[in-house]
């Protein structure tokens, strides 16, 4: 049996926390960089609609990153979208699921769209999944960024 990471005691960026599990459509989930190729830490900066984010997660649809919050967090916020490395292809939809219940979902986002501000109320949630699906047209080129992904805790 795996030991759970400790829940956050204060506000924390998602990329600074240990996750319980992470699944990604292409390569590993990246911390503070966009999804790259198949190796760890091979992505570039997180850039959505021309806006660069120093903190966040780089994923590729379908993706799910699970965190243990132990009921200590009240909210999650992020700026999400297709990474600018994908200039003309890709479409994704982001969601936040707390203890199995979807709390928020973005519209389908495409290359060049501005970063979409996503927020979810998480009071009392034990587990939270950050999920990305392919927008309904397959997952080719679906580099999906979570800029400034942050949990409000403590």
Protein backbone atom coordinates (compact mmCIF):
# COMPACT_ATOMS: atom_id res chain seq x y z
CA UNK A 1 0.00 0.00 0.00
CA UNK A 2 1.32 3.43 -0.98
CA UNK A 3 1.65 6.10 1.68
CA UNK A 4 -0.21 9.28 0.75
CA UNK A 5 1.76 12.51 0.53
CA UNK A 6 0.95 15.00 3.29
CA UNK A 7 -1.91 17.39 2.46
CA UNK A 8 -0.93 21.03 1.89
CA UNK A 9 -0.80 23.14 5.06
CA UNK A 10 -0.88 26.48 3.20
CA UNK A 11 -1.54 27.84 -0.30
CA UNK A 12 0.55 25.89 -2.82
CA UNK A 13 1.16 25.66 -6.54
CA UNK A 14 0.16 22.28 -8.01
CA UNK A 15 3.65 21.80 -9.49
CA UNK A 16 5.22 22.15 -6.04
CA UNK A 17 3.10 19.40 -4.49
CA UNK A 18 3.60 15.66 -4.67
CA UNK A 19 0.71 14.05 -6.51
CA UNK A 20 -0.88 10.69 -5.71
CA UNK A 21 -0.93 9.64 -9.36
CA UNK A 22 -0.51 11.15 -12.81
CA UNK A 23 -1.52 9.85 -16.21
CA UNK A 24 -0.76 11.65 -19.45
CA UNK A 25 -1.56 11.09 -23.15
CA UNK A 26 2.05 11.75 -24.25
CA UNK A 27 5.16 11.64 -22.10
CA UNK A 28 5.11 12.53 -18.41
CA UNK A 29 3.25 15.38 -16.73
CA UNK A 30 5.72 18.28 -16.51
CA UNK A 31 6.23 20.60 -13.53
CA UNK A 32 6.59 24.32 -14.39
CA UNK A 33 7.02 23.61 -18.11
CA UNK A 34 4.85 22.57 -21.03
CA UNK A 35 4.43 19.00 -22.19
CA UNK A 36 7.48 18.04 -24.21
CA UNK A 37 8.36 14.76 -25.80
CA UNK A 38 8.57 11.41 -24.00
CA UNK A 39 11.25 12.30 -21.44
CA UNK A 40 10.94 14.11 -18.10
CA UNK A 41 11.62 17.87 -17.99
CA UNK A 42 11.91 18.16 -21.79
CA UNK A 43 9.13 20.73 -22.31
CA UNK A 44 9.55 24.43 -22.92
CA UNK A 45 8.02 27.35 -21.05
CA UNK A 46 4.28 27.33 -20.39
CA UNK A 47 2.78 29.80 -22.89
CA UNK A 48 -0.96 30.14 -23.56
CA UNK A 49 -2.27 32.72 -26.02
CA UNK A 50 1.01 34.63 -25.86
CA UNK A 51 1.01 34.74 -22.03
CA UNK A 52 3.92 33.02 -20.24
CA UNK A 53 3.52 31.33 -16.87
CA UNK A 54 6.50 30.50 -14.65
CA UNK A 55 4.49 28.03 -12.55
CA UNK A 56 2.07 25.30 -13.58
CA UNK A 57 1.69 21.87 -15.11
CA UNK A 58 2.21 20.73 -18.69
CA UNK A 59 -0.03 17.84 -19.71
CA UNK A 60 -1.30 16.18 -22.88
CA UNK A 61 -4.84 14.85 -23.31
CA UNK A 62 -6.07 12.56 -21.96
CA UNK A 63 -4.56 13.50 -18.63
CA UNK A 64 -5.42 13.11 -14.95
CA UNK A 65 -3.33 14.33 -12.04
CA UNK A 66 -4.62 13.33 -8.59
CA UNK A 67 -3.80 15.21 -5.38
CA UNK A 68 -4.55 14.33 -1.77
CA UNK A 69 -5.85 17.44 -0.01
CA UNK A 70 -7.22 15.84 3.16
CA UNK A 71 -10.01 18.43 3.40
CA UNK A 72 -7.52 21.25 4.00
CA UNK A 73 -8.11 23.31 0.85
CA UNK A 74 -10.99 25.57 -0.12
CA UNK A 75 -10.35 26.41 -3.78
CA UNK A 76 -8.32 25.76 -6.91
CA UNK A 77 -7.47 28.29 -9.63
CA UNK A 78 -5.51 28.12 -12.90
CA UNK A 79 -5.19 29.70 -16.32
CA UNK A 80 -5.62 26.88 -18.83
CA UNK A 81 -5.30 26.33 -22.56
CA UNK A 82 -3.45 24.77 -25.49
CA UNK A 83 0.27 25.53 -25.31
CA UNK A 84 1.47 27.96 -27.97
CA UNK A 85 3.92 25.34 -29.29
CA UNK A 86 0.79 24.03 -31.06
CA UNK A 87 0.15 26.89 -33.48
CA UNK A 88 -2.72 25.43 -35.50
CA UNK A 89 -3.80 22.02 -34.17
CA UNK A 90 -5.18 20.58 -30.96
CA UNK A 91 -8.30 21.08 -28.85
CA UNK A 92 -8.78 20.36 -25.16
CA UNK A 93 -11.24 20.69 -22.29
CA UNK A 94 -10.15 21.00 -18.66
CA UNK A 95 -11.98 19.86 -15.55
CA UNK A 96 -11.59 19.73 -11.79
CA UNK A 97 -13.11 16.72 -10.01
CA UNK A 98 -13.30 16.65 -6.19
CA UNK A 99 -14.05 13.33 -4.48
CA UNK A 100 -15.59 12.03 -7.71
CA UNK A 101 -17.82 15.09 -8.38
CA UNK A 102 -17.01 17.46 -11.23
CA UNK A 103 -16.70 20.96 -9.77
CA UNK A 104 -15.89 22.89 -12.94
CA UNK A 105 -15.16 22.42 -16.63
CA UNK A 106 -13.78 24.71 -19.31
CA UNK A 107 -15.21 25.09 -22.79
CA UNK A 108 -13.25 23.41 -25.58
CA UNK A 109 -10.08 25.46 -26.06
CA UNK A 110 -8.01 25.64 -29.25
CA UNK A 111 -4.58 26.95 -30.30
CA UNK A 112 -4.29 30.73 -30.06
CA UNK A 113 -7.17 31.06 -27.59
CA UNK A 114 -6.31 33.28 -24.63
CA UNK A 115 -5.68 31.58 -21.29
CA UNK A 116 -9.02 30.62 -19.74
CA UNK A 117 -9.40 31.32 -16.03
CA UNK A 118 -10.64 28.18 -14.31
CA UNK A 119 -11.73 28.08 -10.68
CA UNK A 120 -13.29 25.48 -8.42
CA UNK A 121 -14.59 25.44 -4.86
CA UNK A 122 -13.03 22.52 -2.95
CA UNK A 123 -14.11 22.84 0.70
CA UNK A 124 -13.73 19.51 2.54
CA UNK A 125 -12.46 17.64 -0.54
CA UNK A 126 -10.10 14.78 0.25
CA UNK A 127 -8.94 14.08 -3.32
CA UNK A 128 -8.88 16.33 -6.37
CA UNK A 129 -8.27 15.28 -9.97
CA UNK A 130 -7.11 17.79 -12.56
CA UNK A 131 -8.33 16.30 -15.84
CA UNK A 132 -7.98 17.10 -19.53
CA UNK A 133 -9.90 15.49 -22.37
CA UNK A 134 -9.33 15.75 -26.09
CA UNK A 135 -12.11 18.20 -26.94
CA UNK A 136 -13.95 15.53 -28.94
CA UNK A 137 -11.65 15.21 -31.97
CA UNK A 138 -8.85 12.85 -30.88
CA UNK A 139 -5.77 13.77 -28.89
CA UNK A 140 -3.27 14.69 -31.61
CA UNK A 141 -1.35 17.86 -30.66
CA UNK A 142 -3.33 18.29 -27.42
CA UNK A 143 -0.62 19.98 -25.31
CA UNK A 144 -2.68 21.23 -22.37
CA UNK A 145 -1.23 23.73 -19.88
CA UNK A 146 -2.33 24.60 -16.34
CA UNK A 147 -0.72 28.02 -15.79
CA UNK A 148 -0.41 29.26 -12.20
CA UNK A 149 -2.33 26.19 -11.00
CA UNK A 150 -2.79 26.84 -7.29
CA UNK A 151 -4.61 25.34 -4.33
CA UNK A 152 -5.91 27.68 -1.58
CA UNK A 153 -5.30 25.85 1.69
CA UNK A 154 -4.71 26.22 5.40
